[in-house]
Each structure stands twice: as C-alpha cells, then as structure tokens.
C-alpha atoms as a PDB file:
ATOM      1  CA  MET A   1     -36.662 -90.032   9.667  1.00  0.00           C
ATOM      2  CA  ASP A   2     -35.424 -86.548  10.448  1.00  0.00           C
ATOM      3  CA  LYS A   3     -33.588 -84.896   7.591  1.00  0.00           C
ATOM      4  CA  PRO A   4     -31.090 -82.071   7.938  1.00  0.00           C
ATOM      5  CA  ILE A   5     -31.757 -78.703   6.388  1.00  0.00           C
ATOM      6  CA  ILE A   6     -29.008 -76.828   4.630  1.00  0.00           C
ATOM      7  CA  ILE A   7     -29.108 -73.046   4.944  1.00  0.00           C
ATOM      8  CA  ASP A   8     -27.081 -70.751   2.703  1.00  0.00           C
ATOM      9  CA  ASP A   9     -25.906 -67.864   4.931  1.00  0.00           C
ATOM     10  CA  LYS A  10     -24.335 -64.845   3.268  1.00  0.00           C
ATOM     11  CA  ILE A  11     -21.672 -62.983   5.226  1.00  0.00           C
ATOM     12  CA  ASP A  12     -19.130 -60.217   4.540  1.00  0.00           C
ATOM     13  CA  ASN A  13     -21.741 -58.051   2.789  1.00  0.00           C
ATOM     14  CA  GLY A  14     -22.829 -60.981   0.618  1.00  0.00           C
ATOM     15  CA  GLN A  15     -19.312 -61.736  -0.631  1.00  0.00           C
ATOM     16  CA  TYR A  16     -19.021 -65.126   1.072  1.00  0.00           C
ATOM     17  CA  ALA A  17     -21.471 -67.967   1.707  1.00  0.00           C
ATOM     18  CA  ILE A  18     -21.648 -70.651   4.371  1.00  0.00           C
ATOM     19  CA  HIS A  19     -23.734 -73.732   3.619  1.00  0.00           C
ATOM     20  CA  ARG A  20     -24.810 -74.768   7.115  1.00  0.00           C
ATOM     21  CA  LEU A  21     -26.002 -78.131   8.282  1.00  0.00           C
ATOM     22  CA  MET A  22     -28.799 -77.732  10.804  1.00  0.00           C
ATOM     23  CA  PRO A  23     -28.597 -79.951  13.888  1.00  0.00           C
ATOM     24  CA  PHE A  24     -30.524 -83.190  13.794  1.00  0.00           C
ATOM     25  CA  LYS A  25     -30.338 -86.443  15.690  1.00  0.00           C
ATOM     26  CA  ASN A  26     -30.552 -90.001  14.440  1.00  0.00           C
ATOM     27  CA  PRO A  27     -29.127 -92.935  16.460  1.00  0.00           C
ATOM     28  CA  LEU A  28     -28.091 -94.705  13.232  1.00  0.00           C
ATOM     29  CA  TYR A  29     -25.602 -91.915  12.459  1.00  0.00           C
ATOM     30  CA  ASP A  30     -24.110 -92.149  15.952  1.00  0.00           C
ATOM     31  CA  GLU A  31     -23.508 -95.862  15.442  1.00  0.00           C
ATOM     32  CA  TYR A  32     -22.000 -95.697  11.943  1.00  0.00           C
ATOM     33  CA  GLY A  33     -20.497 -92.204  11.898  1.00  0.00           C
ATOM     34  CA  LEU A  34     -21.505 -91.399   8.330  1.00  0.00           C
ATOM     35  CA  CYS A  35     -24.519 -89.435   7.219  1.00  0.00           C
ATOM     36  CA  ILE A  36     -25.248 -88.775   3.555  1.00  0.00           C
ATOM     37  CA  ILE A  37     -27.483 -85.736   3.804  1.00  0.00           C
ATOM     38  CA  GLY A  38     -28.373 -85.508   0.144  1.00  0.00           C
ATOM     39  CA  TYR A  39     -27.383 -86.337  -3.374  1.00  0.00           C
ATOM     40  CA  GLN A  40     -27.688 -85.041  -6.885  1.00  0.00           C
ATOM     41  CA  ARG A  41     -27.703 -87.153 -10.017  1.00  0.00           C
ATOM     42  CA  ALA A  42     -26.837 -85.521 -13.339  1.00  0.00           C
ATOM     43  CA  GLY A  43     -27.396 -82.056 -11.856  1.00  0.00           C
ATOM     44  CA  ARG A  44     -26.667 -79.478 -14.524  1.00  0.00           C
ATOM     45  CA  SER A  45     -25.711 -75.855 -13.997  1.00  0.00           C
ATOM     46  CA  GLN A  46     -24.567 -73.140 -16.366  1.00  0.00           C
ATOM     47  CA  ALA A  47     -21.040 -71.749 -16.520  1.00  0.00           C
ATOM     48  CA  ARG A  48     -20.083 -69.494 -13.634  1.00  0.00           C
ATOM     49  CA  HIS A  49     -18.494 -66.169 -14.392  1.00  0.00           C
ATOM     50  CA  ASN A  50     -17.706 -65.191 -10.817  1.00  0.00           C
ATOM     51  CA  PHE A  51     -15.589 -66.796  -8.131  1.00  0.00           C
ATOM     52  CA  PHE A  52     -17.900 -66.432  -5.154  1.00  0.00           C
ATOM     53  CA  LEU A  53     -16.161 -68.186  -2.245  1.00  0.00           C
ATOM     54  CA  ARG A  54     -18.142 -70.378   0.112  1.00  0.00           C
ATOM     55  CA  HIS A  55     -17.608 -73.177   2.577  1.00  0.00           C
ATOM     56  CA  PHE A  56     -19.672 -76.129   3.662  1.00  0.00           C
ATOM     57  CA  GLU A  57     -20.098 -77.463   7.191  1.00  0.00           C
ATOM     58  CA  PHE A  58     -20.017 -80.977   5.708  1.00  0.00           C
ATOM     59  CA  TYR A  59     -18.021 -82.986   3.188  1.00  0.00           C
ATOM     60  CA  CYS A  60     -18.947 -82.751  -0.480  1.00  0.00           C
ATOM     61  CA  ILE A  61     -17.955 -85.038  -3.356  1.00  0.00           C
ATOM     62  CA  SER A  62     -18.731 -83.821  -6.873  1.00  0.00           C
ATOM     63  CA  HIS A  63     -18.011 -86.018  -9.905  1.00  0.00           C
ATOM     64  CA  LEU A  64     -18.064 -84.035 -13.149  1.00  0.00           C
ATOM     65  CA  ILE A  65     -19.766 -86.350 -15.628  1.00  0.00           C
ATOM     66  CA  GLU A  66     -20.183 -83.929 -18.530  1.00  0.00           C
ATOM     67  CA  GLY A  67     -18.870 -80.483 -19.459  1.00  0.00           C
ATOM     68  CA  ARG A  68     -15.814 -78.649 -18.127  1.00  0.00           C
ATOM     69  CA  GLY A  69     -15.255 -77.369 -14.639  1.00  0.00           C
ATOM     70  CA  PHE A  70     -13.092 -75.050 -12.586  1.00  0.00           C
ATOM     71  CA  TYR A  71     -11.966 -75.075  -8.987  1.00  0.00           C
ATOM     72  CA  TYR A  72     -10.897 -71.932  -7.150  1.00  0.00           C
ATOM     73  CA  GLN A  73      -9.841 -71.256  -3.567  1.00  0.00           C
ATOM     74  CA  GLY A  74      -8.897 -67.589  -3.698  1.00  0.00           C
ATOM     75  CA  GLY A  75      -5.826 -65.572  -4.582  1.00  0.00           C
ATOM     76  CA  GLY A  76      -6.749 -64.288  -8.042  1.00  0.00           C
ATOM     77  CA  VAL A  77      -7.993 -65.777 -11.296  1.00  0.00           C
ATOM     78  CA  GLU A  78      -4.527 -67.154 -12.077  1.00  0.00           C
ATOM     79  CA  ASN A  79      -5.070 -69.681  -9.259  1.00  0.00           C
ATOM     80  CA  ARG A  80      -8.154 -71.174 -10.902  1.00  0.00           C
ATOM     81  CA  LYS A  81      -7.757 -74.833 -11.933  1.00  0.00           C
ATOM     82  CA  VAL A  82      -9.684 -76.070 -14.989  1.00  0.00           C
ATOM     83  CA  PHE A  83     -10.644 -79.738 -15.283  1.00  0.00           C
ATOM     84  CA  GLU A  84     -12.446 -82.073 -17.677  1.00  0.00           C
ATOM     85  CA  SER A  85     -15.307 -84.549 -17.299  1.00  0.00           C
ATOM     86  CA  GLY A  86     -14.350 -87.610 -15.290  1.00  0.00           C
ATOM     87  CA  SER A  87     -12.690 -85.459 -12.633  1.00  0.00           C
ATOM     88  CA  CYS A  88     -13.768 -85.296  -9.013  1.00  0.00           C
ATOM     89  CA  VAL A  89     -13.872 -82.441  -6.499  1.00  0.00           C
ATOM     90  CA  ILE A  90     -13.732 -83.379  -2.807  1.00  0.00           C
ATOM     91  CA  VAL A  91     -14.309 -80.545  -0.347  1.00  0.00           C
ATOM     92  CA  SER A  92     -13.780 -80.869   3.400  1.00  0.00           C
ATOM     93  CA  PRO A  93     -15.799 -78.914   5.972  1.00  0.00           C
ATOM     94  CA  GLY A  94     -14.690 -75.322   6.477  1.00  0.00           C
ATOM     95  CA  HIS A  95     -12.524 -75.112   3.328  1.00  0.00           C
ATOM     96  CA  LYS A  96     -13.137 -71.898   1.334  1.00  0.00           C
ATOM     97  CA  HIS A  97     -13.671 -72.733  -2.324  1.00  0.00           C
ATOM     98  CA  CYS A  98     -15.696 -72.204  -5.461  1.00  0.00           C
ATOM     99  CA  TYR A  99     -16.310 -74.711  -8.244  1.00  0.00           C
ATOM    100  CA  GLY A 100     -18.639 -74.917 -11.203  1.00  0.00           C
ATOM    101  CA  GLY A 101     -18.947 -74.805 -14.968  1.00  0.00           C
ATOM    102  CA  TYR A 102     -16.102 -73.399 -17.034  1.00  0.00           C
ATOM    103  CA  GLU A 103     -17.085 -71.786 -20.375  1.00  0.00           C
ATOM    104  CA  ASN A 104     -20.103 -74.091 -20.646  1.00  0.00           C
ATOM    105  CA  PHE A 105     -22.236 -76.236 -18.349  1.00  0.00           C
ATOM    106  CA  TYR A 106     -21.253 -78.407 -15.374  1.00  0.00           C
ATOM    107  CA  CYS A 107     -23.098 -81.716 -15.026  1.00  0.00           C
ATOM    108  CA  GLU A 108     -22.384 -83.589 -11.802  1.00  0.00           C
ATOM    109  CA  ASP A 109     -23.244 -86.538  -9.635  1.00  0.00           C
ATOM    110  CA  ALA A 110     -22.735 -85.383  -6.057  1.00  0.00           C
ATOM    111  CA  ILE A 111     -23.166 -86.342  -2.420  1.00  0.00           C
END
C-alpha cells in the first residue's frame, strides 16, 4: 500500500512551517473519504519555548494524555491558551497554529 510522505517546508525565512501531504492514490480512500496517514501513541516532547507558527495540509487530532500544553494561533503571547491533560487539540487544514508542552513535557496520542 502506498503511504503518503509528510514534508516540513520552511517559508518566510524559516519563520513559518508547512507540513505538506505528498500526493498518493489509493482507491479505498476514494470510496470512504477518510485517510489516516499516521498516528502517534504516547509521543512525548519537551516544553516549547517559542511559538513557531505552522499549518498542516491535513487534519490533526492531538489528545494530551500527560503533562500540560499550550495552543497558540498568533497575536502575541497573551493569546496563548494553556490546557491540562485530558484535553484535545483539533487542527483543520490550512489553520496557522502552534501547540506543544507548557513548562514541562507534552505526551500525546495523535492521528
């Protein structure tokens, strides 16, 4: 089965990232309309100290299972939202955002 490749393109002098979904074809996806291109179980990352904006060319669902997280979509640090484990981040294609660990690690299940 063909699998898509995600490429992280940097634009605006490296100040913005686009996570691209490379074209691929599978008749099953045409029939059902949903393609889960990858997943992560208990993926752990360290706290982020920058608010590097990015966007995905696909949907992303991230369930914070341990740690604390933040969500940011621009406009200054005062617009950052902090959330606790058990929370979920859902990002639609093309939406500029940044999320990750706040003050400590971010452990997520994601698709």
